[in-house]
């Protein structure tokens, strides 16, 4: 486990995006740990993990649900 995940307790239970097709394309995984949501690229694994607080996660979900262009512009 990478140092960005050290101290979080047991290994996170990663959930792969339903848009991932298993063919090696861009895949995103998320895991909930305490009050945070962790997000990583499956090709990079634990090398780079984003730690999002609940408000940031909710903002991200709303933005992706609206369509990116609607959310940022």
N, C-alpha and C. Protein backbone atom coordinates (compact mmCIF):
# COMPACT_ATOMS: atom_id res chain seq x y z
N UNK A 1 0.85 -1.17 0.00
CA UNK A 1 0.00 0.00 0.00
C UNK A 1 0.89 1.23 0.00
N UNK A 2 0.59 2.18 -0.82
CA UNK A 2 1.33 3.42 -0.99
C UNK A 2 1.21 4.31 0.23
N UNK A 3 2.15 5.23 0.41
CA UNK A 3 2.14 6.09 1.59
C UNK A 3 0.91 6.99 1.66
N UNK A 4 0.29 7.31 0.51
CA UNK A 4 -0.92 8.13 0.55
C UNK A 4 -2.10 7.37 1.16
N UNK A 5 -1.97 6.05 1.28
CA UNK A 5 -3.02 5.24 1.87
C UNK A 5 -2.64 4.71 3.25
N UNK A 6 -1.41 4.99 3.66
CA UNK A 6 -0.94 4.52 4.96
C UNK A 6 -1.77 5.15 6.07
N UNK A 7 -2.05 4.39 7.08
CA UNK A 7 -2.81 4.90 8.22
C UNK A 7 -4.32 4.88 8.04
N UNK A 8 -4.79 4.40 6.89
CA UNK A 8 -6.23 4.37 6.65
C UNK A 8 -6.87 3.08 7.16
N UNK A 9 -6.06 2.19 7.68
CA UNK A 9 -6.60 0.92 8.17
C UNK A 9 -6.52 -0.13 7.10
N UNK A 10 -7.50 -1.03 7.04
CA UNK A 10 -7.48 -2.11 6.04
C UNK A 10 -7.47 -1.53 4.62
N UNK A 11 -7.01 -2.33 3.69
CA UNK A 11 -6.98 -1.89 2.29
C UNK A 11 -8.39 -1.48 1.84
N UNK A 12 -8.50 -0.36 1.12
CA UNK A 12 -9.81 0.08 0.65
C UNK A 12 -10.47 -0.94 -0.28
N UNK A 13 -11.79 -1.00 -0.24
CA UNK A 13 -12.56 -1.86 -1.14
C UNK A 13 -12.91 -1.03 -2.37
N UNK A 14 -12.11 -1.17 -3.42
CA UNK A 14 -12.27 -0.37 -4.63
C UNK A 14 -13.46 -0.85 -5.46
N UNK A 15 -14.19 0.10 -6.01
CA UNK A 15 -15.34 -0.19 -6.88
C UNK A 15 -15.01 0.42 -8.24
N UNK A 16 -15.04 -0.40 -9.27
CA UNK A 16 -14.73 0.07 -10.62
C UNK A 16 -15.95 0.70 -11.28
N UNK A 17 -15.72 1.74 -12.03
CA UNK A 17 -16.80 2.42 -12.75
C UNK A 17 -17.55 1.44 -13.65
N UNK A 18 -18.85 1.59 -13.73
CA UNK A 18 -19.65 0.73 -14.61
C UNK A 18 -19.38 1.04 -16.08
N UNK A 19 -18.73 2.16 -16.37
CA UNK A 19 -18.39 2.50 -17.75
C UNK A 19 -17.11 1.82 -18.20
N UNK A 20 -16.40 1.17 -17.29
CA UNK A 20 -15.17 0.46 -17.64
C UNK A 20 -15.54 -0.83 -18.35
N UNK A 21 -14.87 -1.09 -19.46
CA UNK A 21 -15.24 -2.28 -20.24
C UNK A 21 -14.26 -3.43 -20.09
N UNK A 22 -13.18 -3.25 -19.34
CA UNK A 22 -12.21 -4.31 -19.15
C UNK A 22 -11.27 -4.50 -20.32
N UNK A 23 -11.34 -3.64 -21.34
CA UNK A 23 -10.49 -3.77 -22.52
C UNK A 23 -9.22 -2.94 -22.42
N UNK A 24 -8.92 -2.40 -21.23
CA UNK A 24 -7.70 -1.65 -21.06
C UNK A 24 -7.84 -0.15 -21.30
N UNK A 25 -9.04 0.32 -21.45
CA UNK A 25 -9.27 1.75 -21.63
C UNK A 25 -9.17 2.50 -20.32
N UNK A 26 -9.61 3.73 -20.31
CA UNK A 26 -9.58 4.53 -19.09
C UNK A 26 -10.61 4.00 -18.11
N UNK A 27 -10.15 3.62 -16.94
CA UNK A 27 -11.02 3.08 -15.90
C UNK A 27 -10.76 3.84 -14.60
N UNK A 28 -11.80 4.13 -13.91
CA UNK A 28 -11.71 4.83 -12.63
C UNK A 28 -12.28 3.93 -11.55
N UNK A 29 -11.62 3.94 -10.39
CA UNK A 29 -12.11 3.19 -9.24
C UNK A 29 -12.27 4.15 -8.07
N UNK A 30 -13.26 3.89 -7.24
CA UNK A 30 -13.53 4.70 -6.06
C UNK A 30 -13.64 3.79 -4.84
N UNK A 31 -13.32 4.34 -3.69
CA UNK A 31 -13.47 3.60 -2.43
C UNK A 31 -13.81 4.61 -1.34
N UNK A 32 -14.69 4.23 -0.45
CA UNK A 32 -15.03 5.08 0.69
C UNK A 32 -14.22 4.64 1.90
N UNK A 33 -13.56 5.61 2.52
CA UNK A 33 -12.76 5.35 3.71
C UNK A 33 -13.08 6.45 4.71
N UNK A 34 -13.83 6.11 5.74
CA UNK A 34 -14.23 7.11 6.72
C UNK A 34 -15.07 8.19 6.07
N UNK A 35 -14.65 9.45 6.23
CA UNK A 35 -15.37 10.59 5.65
C UNK A 35 -14.86 10.98 4.27
N UNK A 36 -13.96 10.19 3.73
CA UNK A 36 -13.38 10.52 2.43
C UNK A 36 -13.80 9.51 1.37
N UNK A 37 -13.71 9.97 0.12
CA UNK A 37 -13.85 9.07 -1.02
C UNK A 37 -12.51 9.13 -1.74
N UNK A 38 -11.95 7.96 -2.01
CA UNK A 38 -10.69 7.86 -2.72
C UNK A 38 -10.99 7.57 -4.18
N UNK A 39 -10.23 8.18 -5.08
CA UNK A 39 -10.43 7.99 -6.52
C UNK A 39 -9.07 7.70 -7.12
N UNK A 40 -9.00 6.70 -8.00
CA UNK A 40 -7.74 6.39 -8.67
C UNK A 40 -8.00 5.88 -10.08
N UNK A 41 -6.98 5.98 -10.89
CA UNK A 41 -6.96 5.43 -12.24
C UNK A 41 -6.47 3.99 -12.12
N UNK A 42 -7.17 3.05 -12.69
CA UNK A 42 -6.79 1.64 -12.54
C UNK A 42 -5.43 1.34 -13.15
N UNK A 43 -5.02 2.10 -14.17
CA UNK A 43 -3.72 1.85 -14.79
C UNK A 43 -2.58 2.30 -13.88
N UNK A 44 -2.83 3.23 -12.98
CA UNK A 44 -1.79 3.76 -12.10
C UNK A 44 -1.86 3.09 -10.73
N UNK A 45 -3.03 2.63 -10.34
CA UNK A 45 -3.20 1.97 -9.05
C UNK A 45 -2.97 2.92 -7.88
N UNK A 46 -2.30 2.42 -6.85
CA UNK A 46 -2.10 3.21 -5.63
C UNK A 46 -1.03 4.28 -5.75
N UNK A 47 -0.38 4.39 -6.92
CA UNK A 47 0.67 5.40 -7.09
C UNK A 47 0.12 6.82 -6.98
N UNK A 48 -1.11 7.03 -7.42
CA UNK A 48 -1.71 8.35 -7.38
C UNK A 48 -3.18 8.20 -6.99
N UNK A 49 -3.51 8.61 -5.80
CA UNK A 49 -4.88 8.48 -5.29
C UNK A 49 -5.36 9.85 -4.83
N UNK A 50 -6.51 10.27 -5.33
CA UNK A 50 -7.11 11.53 -4.89
C UNK A 50 -7.97 11.25 -3.67
N UNK A 51 -7.81 12.06 -2.65
CA UNK A 51 -8.62 11.96 -1.42
C UNK A 51 -9.61 13.12 -1.46
N UNK A 52 -10.88 12.82 -1.54
CA UNK A 52 -11.91 13.86 -1.63
C UNK A 52 -12.78 13.86 -0.38
N UNK A 53 -13.03 15.04 0.14
CA UNK A 53 -13.98 15.18 1.23
C UNK A 53 -15.39 15.03 0.69
N UNK A 54 -16.36 14.92 1.57
CA UNK A 54 -17.74 14.65 1.13
C UNK A 54 -18.30 15.76 0.24
N UNK A 55 -18.01 17.01 0.52
CA UNK A 55 -18.53 18.11 -0.32
C UNK A 55 -17.91 18.08 -1.71
N UNK A 56 -16.62 17.83 -1.78
CA UNK A 56 -15.95 17.74 -3.09
C UNK A 56 -16.51 16.57 -3.90
N UNK A 57 -16.73 15.44 -3.24
CA UNK A 57 -17.29 14.27 -3.92
C UNK A 57 -18.70 14.56 -4.44
N UNK A 58 -19.52 15.18 -3.63
CA UNK A 58 -20.88 15.52 -4.08
C UNK A 58 -20.85 16.48 -5.25
N UNK A 59 -19.96 17.45 -5.22
CA UNK A 59 -19.82 18.38 -6.35
C UNK A 59 -19.40 17.65 -7.61
N UNK A 60 -18.47 16.72 -7.49
CA UNK A 60 -18.02 15.92 -8.63
C UNK A 60 -19.18 15.11 -9.21
N UNK A 61 -19.94 14.45 -8.35
CA UNK A 61 -21.07 13.63 -8.81
C UNK A 61 -22.11 14.50 -9.51
N UNK A 62 -22.41 15.65 -8.94
CA UNK A 62 -23.38 16.55 -9.58
C UNK A 62 -22.88 17.00 -10.95
N UNK A 63 -21.60 17.35 -11.04
CA UNK A 63 -21.02 17.82 -12.30
C UNK A 63 -21.08 16.74 -13.37
N UNK A 64 -20.73 15.51 -13.02
CA UNK A 64 -20.74 14.45 -14.01
C UNK A 64 -22.16 14.05 -14.38
N UNK A 65 -23.10 14.19 -13.46
CA UNK A 65 -24.49 13.88 -13.76
C UNK A 65 -25.14 14.89 -14.69
N UNK A 66 -24.66 16.13 -14.63
CA UNK A 66 -25.21 17.19 -15.48
C UNK A 66 -24.57 17.20 -16.86
N UNK A 67 -23.45 16.60 -16.98
CA UNK A 67 -22.65 16.73 -18.20
C UNK A 67 -21.62 17.80 -17.92
N UNK A 68 -20.40 17.52 -18.21
CA UNK A 68 -19.30 18.40 -17.80
C UNK A 68 -19.49 19.83 -18.29
N UNK A 69 -19.89 20.05 -19.53
CA UNK A 69 -19.99 21.42 -20.08
C UNK A 69 -21.05 22.22 -19.33
N UNK A 70 -22.14 21.58 -18.91
CA UNK A 70 -23.19 22.28 -18.16
C UNK A 70 -22.71 22.67 -16.77
N UNK A 71 -21.87 21.85 -16.16
CA UNK A 71 -21.43 22.08 -14.80
C UNK A 71 -20.36 23.16 -14.68
N UNK A 72 -19.54 23.32 -15.71
CA UNK A 72 -18.43 24.27 -15.61
C UNK A 72 -18.69 25.56 -16.40
N UNK A 73 -19.72 25.61 -17.16
CA UNK A 73 -19.88 26.81 -17.97
C UNK A 73 -21.26 27.31 -17.94
